[in-house]
């Protein structure tokens, strides 16, 4: 909602589900209308917004040290729970590190997807114009510390 004028950018209850491309196009149009000119901090906040729109939590973005801690915690549900709770901090967005390009920002994020079986680490590559319009978002499973087969099963308790 912006001001007093609500604007539906996506319809998660639509049957059949709304195509992702359609939602992204509507979001891009709304962002472009705002004529933003983002600095690095604004880009960080915008990337966090895009993560939320995609159903991901900025609190599960990992630094390289967090990735090492996750690899060490995979042997224990209690350790994984503790790590997840420590990541959910007020300054979680600060772990998003956009790099300024000629005409926008790029970010490569390590994301711990606790909603998927085996709770893999995903690599998210995001490219955004300086005005905040998303050019692309690519998500792949990381080869750098994902889950070991069989190390964790089922859905996480968090």
Foldseek 3Di string as FASTA:
>chain_A
DPDPDDDDLADCPDVVHDDPVSSLVSVLVVLVVVQAQDDQVRLLVLVQVVCVVVVHHLLQWDDPVLLVQLLVQLQDLVSVVVSSVVSPDPCSSVSWGWDDDPFFTWTWTWGQQLADFQRFTKIWIWTAGSSSRTPDIDIDTDPRRTGDVPSGGDHRPD
